[in-house]
Amino acid sequence: MLRTKINKTISQDEGIVLTANHNFFVRAAIVRVARIALAFVIFCGLCGIFTIIFNSVMVRVLASGGAAEVSILYSMGIVFIGAIFFVYFCYEIYDIIKIHKAVTEIEDGILGVD
């Protein structure tokens, strides 16, 4: 049910709880999104560092003929860092969903929504 269609009158105390509940969710969601953005910046920085190291090693290795091993290590490093970022991203999104579910239960209890 859309919250805009609820015509139940609520007390001032319940209104304060609803407002505080909403503000808590918004702050929690903003913090999690900021964490994801910071993790993305760190991920990009690590990818850049890996690329710089890869390029410097490749210059030295090309003469000896071992470029294939270095390329595999570079790819594995990028995939490993990407997997860690993906797991962290999923965890933060799960946390936002979990907080939203708790906040919605409180709102539904106050508003009498099934």
PDB file of N, CA and C in Angstrom:
ATOM      1  N   MET A   1       0.851  -1.176   0.000  1.00  0.00           N
ATOM      2  CA  MET A   1       0.000   0.000   0.000  1.00  0.00           C
ATOM      3  C   MET A   1       0.897   1.239   0.000  1.00  0.00           C
ATOM      4  N   LEU A   2       0.532   2.198  -0.791  1.00  0.00           N
ATOM      5  CA  LEU A   2       1.304   3.425  -0.816  1.00  0.00           C
ATOM      6  C   LEU A   2       1.063   4.225   0.450  1.00  0.00           C
ATOM      7  N   ARG A   3       2.117   4.758   0.983  1.00  0.00           N
ATOM      8  CA  ARG A   3       2.016   5.535   2.217  1.00  0.00           C
ATOM      9  C   ARG A   3       1.193   6.810   2.021  1.00  0.00           C
ATOM     10  N   THR A   4       1.115   7.319   0.797  1.00  0.00           N
ATOM     11  CA  THR A   4       0.364   8.550   0.547  1.00  0.00           C
ATOM     12  C   THR A   4      -1.135   8.325   0.656  1.00  0.00           C
ATOM     13  N   LYS A   5      -1.586   7.063   0.603  1.00  0.00           N
ATOM     14  CA  LYS A   5      -3.015   6.766   0.677  1.00  0.00           C
ATOM     15  C   LYS A   5      -3.469   6.428   2.092  1.00  0.00           C
ATOM     16  N   ILE A   6      -2.596   6.559   3.070  1.00  0.00           N
ATOM     17  CA  ILE A   6      -2.959   6.260   4.450  1.00  0.00           C
ATOM     18  C   ILE A   6      -3.511   7.534   5.073  1.00  0.00           C
ATOM     19  N   ASN A   7      -4.725   7.456   5.574  1.00  0.00           N
ATOM     20  CA  ASN A   7      -5.381   8.623   6.150  1.00  0.00           C
ATOM     21  C   ASN A   7      -5.524   8.511   7.663  1.00  0.00           C
ATOM     22  N   LYS A   8      -4.746   7.704   8.292  1.00  0.00           N
ATOM     23  CA  LYS A   8      -4.808   7.504   9.730  1.00  0.00           C
ATOM     24  C   LYS A   8      -4.175   8.703  10.432  1.00  0.00           C
ATOM     25  N   THR A   9      -4.857   9.196  11.449  1.00  0.00           N
ATOM     26  CA  THR A   9      -4.273  10.268  12.240  1.00  0.00           C
ATOM     27  C   THR A   9      -3.337   9.641  13.270  1.00  0.00           C
ATOM     28  N   ILE A  10      -2.201  10.260  13.433  1.00  0.00           N
ATOM     29  CA  ILE A  10      -1.217   9.747  14.381  1.00  0.00           C
ATOM     30  C   ILE A  10      -0.915  10.826  15.409  1.00  0.00           C
ATOM     31  N   SER A  11      -0.492  10.380  16.582  1.00  0.00           N
ATOM     32  CA  SER A  11      -0.164  11.334  17.645  1.00  0.00           C
ATOM     33  C   SER A  11       1.162  12.013  17.346  1.00  0.00           C
ATOM     34  N   GLN A  12       1.419  13.050  18.121  1.00  0.00           N
ATOM     35  CA  GLN A  12       2.669  13.785  17.928  1.00  0.00           C
ATOM     36  C   GLN A  12       3.866  12.894  18.258  1.00  0.00           C
ATOM     37  N   ASP A  13       3.749  12.057  19.275  1.00  0.00           N
ATOM     38  CA  ASP A  13       4.841  11.151  19.628  1.00  0.00           C
ATOM     39  C   ASP A  13       5.119  10.150  18.508  1.00  0.00           C
ATOM     40  N   GLU A  14       4.057   9.621  17.915  1.00  0.00           N
ATOM     41  CA  GLU A  14       4.244   8.693  16.802  1.00  0.00           C
ATOM     42  C   GLU A  14       4.862   9.399  15.600  1.00  0.00           C
ATOM     43  N   GLY A  15       4.467  10.655  15.385  1.00  0.00           N
ATOM     44  CA  GLY A  15       5.056  11.443  14.296  1.00  0.00           C
ATOM     45  C   GLY A  15       6.542  11.664  14.508  1.00  0.00           C
ATOM     46  N   ILE A  16       6.932  11.893  15.756  1.00  0.00           N
ATOM     47  CA  ILE A  16       8.349  12.078  16.071  1.00  0.00           C
ATOM     48  C   ILE A  16       9.112  10.776  15.817  1.00  0.00           C
ATOM     49  N   VAL A  17       8.502   9.660  16.214  1.00  0.00           N
ATOM     50  CA  VAL A  17       9.142   8.361  15.975  1.00  0.00           C
ATOM     51  C   VAL A  17       9.286   8.108  14.480  1.00  0.00           C
ATOM     52  N   LEU A  18       8.240   8.401  13.708  1.00  0.00           N
ATOM     53  CA  LEU A  18       8.316   8.216  12.255  1.00  0.00           C
ATOM     54  C   LEU A  18       9.403   9.085  11.634  1.00  0.00           C
ATOM     55  N   THR A  19       9.489  10.330  12.070  1.00  0.00           N
ATOM     56  CA  THR A  19      10.502  11.239  11.541  1.00  0.00           C
ATOM     57  C   THR A  19      11.906  10.771  11.910  1.00  0.00           C
ATOM     58  N   ALA A  20      12.097  10.397  13.176  1.00  0.00           N
ATOM     59  CA  ALA A  20      13.407   9.915  13.612  1.00  0.00           C
ATOM     60  C   ALA A  20      13.777   8.624  12.882  1.00  0.00           C
ATOM     61  N   ASN A  21      12.803   7.763  12.700  1.00  0.00           N
ATOM     62  CA  ASN A  21      13.011   6.505  11.996  1.00  0.00           C
ATOM     63  C   ASN A  21      13.452   6.762  10.552  1.00  0.00           C
ATOM     64  N   HIS A  22      12.764   7.672   9.885  1.00  0.00           N
ATOM     65  CA  HIS A  22      13.110   8.022   8.515  1.00  0.00           C
ATOM     66  C   HIS A  22      14.500   8.641   8.442  1.00  0.00           C
ATOM     67  N   ASN A  23      14.790   9.573   9.349  1.00  0.00           N
ATOM     68  CA  ASN A  23      16.100  10.220   9.356  1.00  0.00           C
ATOM     69  C   ASN A  23      17.220   9.216   9.612  1.00  0.00           C
ATOM     70  N   PHE A  24      16.964   8.233  10.487  1.00  0.00           N
ATOM     71  CA  PHE A  24      17.950   7.192  10.752  1.00  0.00           C
ATOM     72  C   PHE A  24      18.258   6.414   9.480  1.00  0.00           C
ATOM     73  N   PHE A  25      17.214   6.030   8.755  1.00  0.00           N
ATOM     74  CA  PHE A  25      17.440   5.269   7.525  1.00  0.00           C
ATOM     75  C   PHE A  25      18.210   6.083   6.495  1.00  0.00           C
ATOM     76  N   VAL A  26      17.840   7.346   6.326  1.00  0.00           N
ATOM     77  CA  VAL A  26      18.512   8.182   5.332  1.00  0.00           C
ATOM     78  C   VAL A  26      19.989   8.334   5.688  1.00  0.00           C
ATOM     79  N   ARG A  27      20.287   8.607   6.959  1.00  0.00           N
ATOM     80  CA  ARG A  27      21.691   8.737   7.375  1.00  0.00           C
ATOM     81  C   ARG A  27      22.446   7.430   7.171  1.00  0.00           C
ATOM     82  N   ALA A  28      21.828   6.314   7.543  1.00  0.00           N
ATOM     83  CA  ALA A  28      22.488   5.016   7.394  1.00  0.00           C
ATOM     84  C   ALA A  28      22.752   4.702   5.923  1.00  0.00           C
ATOM     85  N   ALA A  29      21.787   5.002   5.062  1.00  0.00           N
ATOM     86  CA  ALA A  29      21.964   4.741   3.631  1.00  0.00           C
ATOM     87  C   ALA A  29      23.061   5.627   3.041  1.00  0.00           C
ATOM     88  N   ILE A  30      23.093   6.882   3.440  1.00  0.00           N
ATOM     89  CA  ILE A  30      24.128   7.791   2.935  1.00  0.00           C
ATOM     90  C   ILE A  30      25.510   7.327   3.372  1.00  0.00           C
ATOM     91  N   VAL A  31      25.639   6.884   4.607  1.00  0.00           N
ATOM     92  CA  VAL A  31      26.929   6.386   5.093  1.00  0.00           C
ATOM     93  C   VAL A  31      27.366   5.170   4.287  1.00  0.00           C
ATOM     94  N   ARG A  32      26.447   4.263   4.026  1.00  0.00           N
ATOM     95  CA  ARG A  32      26.811   3.062   3.265  1.00  0.00           C
ATOM     96  C   ARG A  32      27.189   3.395   1.826  1.00  0.00           C
ATOM     97  N   VAL A  33      26.480   4.305   1.212  1.00  0.00           N
ATOM     98  CA  VAL A  33      26.821   4.708  -0.156  1.00  0.00           C
ATOM     99  C   VAL A  33      28.177   5.414  -0.178  1.00  0.00           C
ATOM    100  N   ALA A  34      28.462   6.218   0.851  1.00  0.00           N
ATOM    101  CA  ALA A  34      29.775   6.872   0.934  1.00  0.00           C
ATOM    102  C   ALA A  34      30.881   5.830   1.109  1.00  0.00           C
ATOM    103  N   ARG A  35      30.626   4.801   1.893  1.00  0.00           N
ATOM    104  CA  ARG A  35      31.609   3.726   2.056  1.00  0.00           C
ATOM    105  C   ARG A  35      31.856   3.015   0.730  1.00  0.00           C
ATOM    106  N   ILE A  36      30.785   2.776  -0.022  1.00  0.00           N
ATOM    107  CA  ILE A  36      30.935   2.115  -1.325  1.00  0.00           C
ATOM    108  C   ILE A  36      31.760   3.006  -2.255  1.00  0.00           C
ATOM    109  N   ALA A  37      31.507   4.310  -2.251  1.00  0.00           N
ATOM    110  CA  ALA A  37      32.259   5.237  -3.098  1.00  0.00           C
ATOM    111  C   ALA A  37      33.734   5.249  -2.696  1.00  0.00           C
ATOM    112  N   LEU A  38      34.003   5.262  -1.400  1.00  0.00           N
ATOM    113  CA  LEU A  38      35.392   5.241  -0.933  1.00  0.00           C
ATOM    114  C   LEU A  38      36.075   3.926  -1.324  1.00  0.00           C
ATOM    115  N   ALA A  39      35.361   2.823  -1.193  1.00  0.00           N
ATOM    116  CA  ALA A  39      35.922   1.525  -1.598  1.00  0.00           C
ATOM    117  C   ALA A  39      36.194   1.504  -3.095  1.00  0.00           C
ATOM    118  N   PHE A  40      35.330   2.137  -3.880  1.00  0.00           N
ATOM    119  CA  PHE A  40      35.549   2.194  -5.325  1.00  0.00           C
ATOM    120  C   PHE A  40      36.790   3.003  -5.655  1.00  0.00           C
ATOM    121  N   VAL A  41      37.006   4.104  -4.940  1.00  0.00           N
ATOM    122  CA  VAL A  41      38.208   4.913  -5.161  1.00  0.00           C
ATOM    123  C   VAL A  41      39.454   4.102  -4.813  1.00  0.00           C
ATOM    124  N   ILE A  42      39.396   3.374  -3.698  1.00  0.00           N
ATOM    125  CA  ILE A  42      40.524   2.528  -3.310  1.00  0.00           C
ATOM    126  C   ILE A  42      40.738   1.438  -4.361  1.00  0.00           C
ATOM    127  N   PHE A  43      39.663   0.834  -4.850  1.00  0.00           N
ATOM    128  CA  PHE A  43      39.752  -0.185  -5.896  1.00  0.00           C
ATOM    129  C   PHE A  43      40.431   0.377  -7.137  1.00  0.00           C
ATOM    130  N   CYS A  44      40.006   1.554  -7.571  1.00  0.00           N
ATOM    131  CA  CYS A  44      40.621   2.169  -8.749  1.00  0.00           C
ATOM    132  C   CYS A  44      42.092   2.482  -8.507  1.00  0.00           C
ATOM    133  N   GLY A  45      42.418   2.942  -7.307  1.00  0.00           N
ATOM    134  CA  GLY A  45      43.813   3.209  -6.970  1.00  0.00           C
ATOM    135  C   GLY A  45      44.664   1.951  -6.997  1.00  0.00           C
ATOM    136  N   LEU A  46      44.137   0.870  -6.449  1.00  0.00           N
ATOM    137  CA  LEU A  46      44.873  -0.392  -6.480  1.00  0.00           C
ATOM    138  C   LEU A  46      45.046  -0.910  -7.902  1.00  0.00           C
ATOM    139  N   CYS A  47      44.013  -0.746  -8.720  1.00  0.00           N
ATOM    140  CA  CYS A  47      44.140  -1.147 -10.130  1.00  0.00           C
ATOM    141  C   CYS A  47      45.207  -0.307 -10.828  1.00  0.00           C
ATOM    142  N   GLY A  48      45.254   0.975 -10.514  1.00  0.00           N
ATOM    143  CA  GLY A  48      46.286   1.844 -11.085  1.00  0.00           C
ATOM    144  C   GLY A  48      47.677   1.438 -10.647  1.00  0.00           C
ATOM    145  N   ILE A  49      47.831   1.120  -9.365  1.00  0.00           N
ATOM    146  CA  ILE A  49      49.129   0.684  -8.849  1.00  0.00           C
ATOM    147  C   ILE A  49      49.536  -0.632  -9.513  1.00  0.00           C
ATOM    148  N   PHE A  50      48.572  -1.565  -9.628  1.00  0.00           N
ATOM    149  CA  PHE A  50      48.869  -2.830 -10.302  1.00  0.00           C
ATOM    150  C   PHE A  50      49.299  -2.588 -11.746  1.00  0.00           C
ATOM    151  N   THR A  51      48.659  -1.659 -12.419  1.00  0.00           N
ATOM    152  CA  THR A  51      48.994  -1.373 -13.813  1.00  0.00           C
ATOM    153  C   THR A  51      50.380  -0.767 -13.923  1.00  0.00           C
ATOM    154  N   ILE A  52      50.725   0.133 -13.032  1.00  0.00           N
ATOM    155  CA  ILE A  52      52.059   0.746 -13.057  1.00  0.00           C
ATOM    156  C   ILE A  52      53.130  -0.314 -12.797  1.00  0.00           C
ATOM    157  N   ILE A  53      52.884  -1.159 -11.802  1.00  0.00           N
ATOM    158  CA  ILE A  53      53.837  -2.227 -11.513  1.00  0.00           C
ATOM    159  C   ILE A  53      53.939  -3.184 -12.695  1.00  0.00           C
ATOM    160  N   PHE A  54      52.785  -3.529 -13.271  1.00  0.00           N
ATOM    161  CA  PHE A  54      52.777  -4.428 -14.430  1.00  0.00           C
ATOM    162  C   PHE A  54      53.589  -3.853 -15.572  1.00  0.00           C
ATOM    163  N   ASN A  55      53.396  -2.568 -15.859  1.00  0.00           N
ATOM    164  CA  ASN A  55      54.121  -1.952 -16.969  1.00  0.00           C
ATOM    165  C   ASN A  55      55.619  -1.920 -16.707  1.00  0.00           C
ATOM    166  N   SER A  56      56.021  -1.613 -15.477  1.00  0.00           N
ATOM    167  CA  SER A  56      57.458  -1.568 -15.187  1.00  0.00           C
ATOM    168  C   SER A  56      58.080  -2.958 -15.230  1.00  0.00           C
ATOM    169  N   VAL A  57      57.341  -3.956 -14.763  1.00  0.00           N
ATOM    170  CA  VAL A  57      57.859  -5.325 -14.817  1.00  0.00           C
ATOM    171  C   VAL A  57      57.907  -5.821 -16.262  1.00  0.00           C
ATOM    172  N   MET A  58      56.904  -5.488 -17.049  1.00  0.00           N
ATOM    173  CA  MET A  58      56.854  -5.944 -18.435  1.00  0.00           C
ATOM    174  C   MET A  58      58.031  -5.397 -19.247  1.00  0.00           C
ATOM    175  N   VAL A  59      58.441  -4.189 -18.953  1.00  0.00           N
ATOM    176  CA  VAL A  59      59.576  -3.619 -19.675  1.00  0.00           C
ATOM    177  C   VAL A  59      60.822  -4.459 -19.419  1.00  0.00           C
ATOM    178  N   ARG A  60      60.982  -4.907 -18.157  1.00  0.00           N
ATOM    179  CA  ARG A  60      62.148  -5.726 -17.823  1.00  0.00           C
ATOM    180  C   ARG A  60      62.011  -7.166 -18.321  1.00  0.00           C
ATOM    181  N   VAL A  61      60.798  -7.694 -18.320  1.00  0.00           N
ATOM    182  CA  VAL A  61      60.589  -9.111 -18.629  1.00  0.00           C
ATOM    183  C   VAL A  61      60.535  -9.382 -20.126  1.00  0.00           C
ATOM    184  N   LEU A  62      60.135  -8.416 -20.913  1.00  0.00           N
ATOM    185  CA  LEU A  62      60.005  -8.642 -22.349  1.00  0.00           C
ATOM    186  C   LEU A  62      61.309  -9.120 -22.968  1.00  0.00           C
ATOM    187  N   ALA A  63      62.401  -8.640 -22.448  1.00  0.00           N
ATOM    188  CA  ALA A  63      63.689  -9.056 -22.991  1.00  0.00           C
ATOM    189  C   ALA A  63      63.977 -10.520 -22.681  1.00  0.00           C
ATOM    190  N   SER A  64      63.480 -11.028 -21.538  1.00  0.00           N
ATOM    191  CA  SER A  64      63.778 -12.412 -21.151  1.00  0.00           C
ATOM    192  C   SER A  64      62.738 -13.408 -21.664  1.00  0.00           C
ATOM    193  N   GLY A  65      61.604 -12.962 -22.173  1.00  0.00           N
ATOM    194  CA  GLY A  65      60.605 -13.858 -22.759  1.00  0.00           C
ATOM    195  C   GLY A  65      59.605 -14.430 -21.772  1.00  0.00           C
ATOM    196  N   GLY A  66      59.501 -13.914 -20.574  1.00  0.00           N
ATOM    197  CA  GLY A  66      58.564 -14.433 -19.578  1.00  0.00           C
ATOM    198  C   GLY A  66      57.329 -13.570 -19.414  1.00  0.00           C
ATOM    199  N   ALA A  67      56.872 -12.948 -20.478  1.00  0.00           N
ATOM    200  CA  ALA A  67      55.752 -12.010 -20.390  1.00  0.00           C
ATOM    201  C   ALA A  67      54.435 -12.696 -20.071  1.00  0.00           C
ATOM    202  N   ALA A  68      54.256 -13.928 -20.481  1.00  0.00           N
ATOM    203  CA  ALA A  68      52.977 -14.612 -20.263  1.00  0.00           C
ATOM    204  C   ALA A  68      52.704 -14.812 -18.782  1.00  0.00           C
ATOM    205  N   GLU A  69      53.712 -15.170 -18.005  1.00  0.00           N
ATOM    206  CA  GLU A  69      53.522 -15.380 -16.570  1.00  0.00           C
ATOM    207  C   GLU A  69      53.150 -14.077 -15.867  1.00  0.00           C
ATOM    208  N   VAL A  70      53.778 -12.998 -16.254  1.00  0.00           N
ATOM    209  CA  VAL A  70      53.490 -11.702 -15.635  1.00  0.00           C
ATOM    210  C   VAL A  70      52.077 -11.258 -15.977  1.00  0.00           C
ATOM    211  N   SER A  71      51.638 -11.496 -17.199  1.00  0.00           N
ATOM    212  CA  SER A  71      50.279 -11.127 -17.604  1.00  0.00           C
ATOM    213  C   SER A  71      49.244 -11.907 -16.806  1.00  0.00           C
ATOM    214  N   ILE A  72      49.512 -13.175 -16.561  1.00  0.00           N
ATOM    215  CA  ILE A  72      48.581 -13.985 -15.774  1.00  0.00           C
ATOM    216  C   ILE A  72      48.515 -13.473 -14.341  1.00  0.00           C
ATOM    217  N   LEU A  73      49.658 -13.145 -13.767  1.00  0.00           N
ATOM    218  CA  LEU A  73      49.670 -12.615 -12.397  1.00  0.00           C
ATOM    219  C   LEU A  73      48.932 -11.287 -12.318  1.00  0.00           C
ATOM    220  N   TYR A  74      49.115 -10.447 -13.321  1.00  0.00           N
ATOM    221  CA  TYR A  74      48.415  -9.160 -13.356  1.00  0.00           C
ATOM    222  C   TYR A  74      46.906  -9.383 -13.418  1.00  0.00           C
ATOM    223  N   SER A  75      46.482 -10.268 -14.289  1.00  0.00           N
ATOM    224  CA  SER A  75      45.052 -10.552 -14.425  1.00  0.00           C
ATOM    225  C   SER A  75      44.480 -11.130 -13.139  1.00  0.00           C
ATOM    226  N   MET A  76      45.214 -12.034 -12.514  1.00  0.00           N
ATOM    227  CA  MET A  76      44.750 -12.616 -11.258  1.00  0.00           C
ATOM    228  C   MET A  76      44.638 -11.558 -10.163  1.00  0.00           C
ATOM    229  N   GLY A  77      45.591 -10.641 -10.116  1.00  0.00           N
ATOM    230  CA  GLY A  77      45.540  -9.572  -9.120  1.00  0.00           C
ATOM    231  C   GLY A  77      44.338  -8.664  -9.305  1.00  0.00           C
ATOM    232  N   ILE A  78      44.081  -8.274 -10.540  1.00  0.00           N
ATOM    233  CA  ILE A  78      42.932  -7.407 -10.822  1.00  0.00           C
ATOM    234  C   ILE A  78      41.629  -8.131 -10.508  1.00  0.00           C
ATOM    235  N   VAL A  79      41.531  -9.408 -10.889  1.00  0.00           N
ATOM    236  CA  VAL A  79      40.315 -10.177 -10.608  1.00  0.00           C
ATOM    237  C   VAL A  79      40.125 -10.345  -9.101  1.00  0.00           C
ATOM    238  N   PHE A  80      41.198 -10.592  -8.371  1.00  0.00           N
ATOM    239  CA  PHE A  80      41.116 -10.749  -6.923  1.00  0.00           C
ATOM    240  C   PHE A  80      40.634  -9.465  -6.250  1.00  0.00           C
ATOM    241  N   ILE A  81      41.218  -8.349  -6.633  1.00  0.00           N
ATOM    242  CA  ILE A  81      40.798  -7.065  -6.061  1.00  0.00           C
ATOM    243  C   ILE A  81      39.350  -6.766  -6.449  1.00  0.00           C
ATOM    244  N   GLY A  82      38.980  -7.052  -7.688  1.00  0.00           N
ATOM    245  CA  GLY A  82      37.605  -6.843  -8.135  1.00  0.00           C
ATOM    246  C   GLY A  82      36.614  -7.714  -7.379  1.00  0.00           C
ATOM    247  N   ALA A  83      36.999  -8.950  -7.104  1.00  0.00           N
ATOM    248  CA  ALA A  83      36.115  -9.846  -6.345  1.00  0.00           C
ATOM    249  C   ALA A  83      35.911  -9.344  -4.923  1.00  0.00           C
ATOM    250  N   ILE A  84      36.980  -8.862  -4.307  1.00  0.00           N
ATOM    251  CA  ILE A  84      36.854  -8.308  -2.950  1.00  0.00           C
ATOM    252  C   ILE A  84      35.930  -7.097  -2.961  1.00  0.00           C
ATOM    253  N   PHE A  85      36.096  -6.207  -3.948  1.00  0.00           N
ATOM    254  CA  PHE A  85      35.223  -5.046  -4.041  1.00  0.00           C
ATOM    255  C   PHE A  85      33.776  -5.470  -4.254  1.00  0.00           C
ATOM    256  N   PHE A  86      33.532  -6.470  -5.107  1.00  0.00           N
ATOM    257  CA  PHE A  86      32.174  -6.934  -5.376  1.00  0.00           C
ATOM    258  C   PHE A  86      31.525  -7.506  -4.121  1.00  0.00           C
ATOM    259  N   VAL A  87      32.265  -8.297  -3.359  1.00  0.00           N
ATOM    260  CA  VAL A  87      31.734  -8.857  -2.110  1.00  0.00           C
ATOM    261  C   VAL A  87      31.403  -7.734  -1.135  1.00  0.00           C
ATOM    262  N   TYR A  88      32.296  -6.760  -1.012  1.00  0.00           N
ATOM    263  CA  TYR A  88      32.044  -5.626  -0.120  1.00  0.00           C
ATOM    264  C   TYR A  88      30.817  -4.837  -0.580  1.00  0.00           C
ATOM    265  N   PHE A  89      30.697  -4.611  -1.874  1.00  0.00           N
ATOM    266  CA  PHE A  89      29.556  -3.898  -2.439  1.00  0.00           C
ATOM    267  C   PHE A  89      28.255  -4.629  -2.097  1.00  0.00           C
ATOM    268  N   CYS A  90      28.241  -5.941  -2.297  1.00  0.00           N
ATOM    269  CA  CYS A  90      27.039  -6.735  -1.999  1.00  0.00           C
ATOM    270  C   CYS A  90      26.710  -6.690  -0.513  1.00  0.00           C
ATOM    271  N   TYR A  91      27.733  -6.726   0.347  1.00  0.00           N
ATOM    272  CA  TYR A  91      27.503  -6.657   1.786  1.00  0.00           C
ATOM    273  C   TYR A  91      26.864  -5.322   2.171  1.00  0.00           C
ATOM    274  N   GLU A  92      27.359  -4.232   1.643  1.00  0.00           N
ATOM    275  CA  GLU A  92      26.809  -2.914   1.972  1.00  0.00           C
ATOM    276  C   GLU A  92      25.376  -2.776   1.460  1.00  0.00           C
ATOM    277  N   ILE A  93      25.094  -3.268   0.271  1.00  0.00           N
ATOM    278  CA  ILE A  93      23.731  -3.219  -0.258  1.00  0.00           C
ATOM    279  C   ILE A  93      22.814  -4.074   0.606  1.00  0.00           C
ATOM    280  N   TYR A  94      23.279  -5.257   1.014  1.00  0.00           N
ATOM    281  CA  TYR A  94      22.502  -6.117   1.912  1.00  0.00           C
ATOM    282  C   TYR A  94      22.215  -5.394   3.225  1.00  0.00           C
ATOM    283  N   ASP A  95      23.195  -4.676   3.739  1.00  0.00           N
ATOM    284  CA  ASP A  95      23.012  -3.935   4.988  1.00  0.00           C
ATOM    285  C   ASP A  95      21.958  -2.839   4.817  1.00  0.00           C
ATOM    286  N   ILE A  96      21.969  -2.134   3.692  1.00  0.00           N
ATOM    287  CA  ILE A  96      20.952  -1.108   3.434  1.00  0.00           C
ATOM    288  C   ILE A  96      19.569  -1.749   3.373  1.00  0.00           C
ATOM    289  N   ILE A  97      19.454  -2.883   2.700  1.00  0.00           N
ATOM    290  CA  ILE A  97      18.161  -3.572   2.600  1.00  0.00           C
ATOM    291  C   ILE A  97      17.687  -4.033   3.972  1.00  0.00           C
ATOM    292  N   LYS A  98      18.611  -4.544   4.793  1.00  0.00           N
ATOM    293  CA  LYS A  98      18.258  -5.009   6.130  1.00  0.00           C
ATOM    294  C   LYS A  98      17.766  -3.849   7.000  1.00  0.00           C
ATOM    295  N   ILE A  99      18.432  -2.707   6.922  1.00  0.00           N
ATOM    296  CA  ILE A  99      18.004  -1.529   7.685  1.00  0.00           C
ATOM    297  C   ILE A  99      16.645  -1.042   7.178  1.00  0.00           C
ATOM    298  N   HIS A 100      16.458  -1.043   5.868  1.00  0.00           N
ATOM    299  CA  HIS A 100      15.180  -0.607   5.305  1.00  0.00           C
ATOM    300  C   HIS A 100      14.041  -1.504   5.777  1.00  0.00           C
ATOM    301  N   LYS A 101      14.293  -2.792   5.839  1.00  0.00           N
ATOM    302  CA  LYS A 101      13.259  -3.722   6.298  1.00  0.00           C
ATOM    303  C   LYS A 101      12.878  -3.438   7.750  1.00  0.00           C
ATOM    304  N   ALA A 102      13.865  -3.183   8.608  1.00  0.00           N
ATOM    305  CA  ALA A 102      13.585  -2.877  10.014  1.00  0.00           C
ATOM    306  C   ALA A 102      12.820  -1.560  10.146  1.00  0.00           C
ATOM    307  N   VAL A 103      13.237  -0.567   9.385  1.00  0.00           N
ATOM    308  CA  VAL A 103      12.570   0.741   9.427  1.00  0.00           C
ATOM    309  C   VAL A 103      11.137   0.616   8.924  1.00  0.00           C
ATOM    310  N   THR A 104      10.924  -0.141   7.875  1.00  0.00           N
ATOM    311  CA  THR A 104       9.588  -0.323   7.319  1.00  0.00           C
ATOM    312  C   THR A 104       8.670  -1.037   8.305  1.00  0.00           C
ATOM    313  N   GLU A 105       9.194  -2.015   9.029  1.00  0.00           N
ATOM    314  CA  GLU A 105       8.389  -2.708  10.035  1.00  0.00           C
ATOM    315  C   GLU A 105       7.919  -1.747  11.119  1.00  0.00           C
ATOM    316  N   ILE A 106       8.792  -0.856  11.544  1.00  0.00           N
ATOM    317  CA  ILE A 106       8.411   0.132  12.562  1.00  0.00           C
ATOM    318  C   ILE A 106       7.347   1.073  12.008  1.00  0.00           C
ATOM    319  N   GLU A 107       7.540   1.554  10.791  1.00  0.00           N
ATOM    320  CA  GLU A 107       6.556   2.452  10.172  1.00  0.00           C
ATOM    321  C   GLU A 107       5.212   1.752   9.984  1.00  0.00           C
ATOM    322  N   ASP A 108       5.258   0.508   9.519  1.00  0.00           N
ATOM    323  CA  ASP A 108       4.010  -0.230   9.317  1.00  0.00           C
ATOM    324  C   ASP A 108       3.279  -0.443  10.630  1.00  0.00           C
ATOM    325  N   GLY A 109       4.029  -0.680  11.706  1.00  0.00           N
ATOM    326  CA  GLY A 109       3.395  -0.859  13.025  1.00  0.00           C
ATOM    327  C   GLY A 109       2.704   0.413  13.491  1.00  0.00           C
ATOM    328  N   ILE A 110       3.316   1.550  13.261  1.00  0.00           N
ATOM    329  CA  ILE A 110       2.723   2.828  13.671  1.00  0.00           C
ATOM    330  C   ILE A 110       1.536   3.178  12.795  1.00  0.00           C
ATOM    331  N   LEU A 111       1.683   2.975  11.485  1.00  0.00           N
ATOM    332  CA  LEU A 111       0.633   3.367  10.547  1.00  0.00           C
ATOM    333  C   LEU A 111      -0.474   2.332  10.406  1.00  0.00           C
ATOM    334  N   GLY A 112      -0.262   1.152  10.942  1.00  0.00           N
ATOM    335  CA  GLY A 112      -1.279   0.107  10.876  1.00  0.00           C
ATOM    336  C   GLY A 112      -1.401  -0.517   9.510  1.00  0.00           C
ATOM    337  N   VAL A 113      -0.307  -0.574   8.768  1.00  0.00           N
ATOM    338  CA  VAL A 113      -0.314  -1.169   7.432  1.00  0.00           C
ATOM    339  C   VAL A 113      -0.035  -2.658   7.572  1.00  0.00           C
ATOM    340  N   ASP A 114      -0.744  -3.469   6.799  1.00  0.00           N
ATOM    341  CA  ASP A 114      -0.541  -4.916   6.850  1.00  0.00           C
ATOM    342  C   ASP A 114       0.715  -5.332   6.168  1.00  0.00           C
TER     343      ASP A 114
END
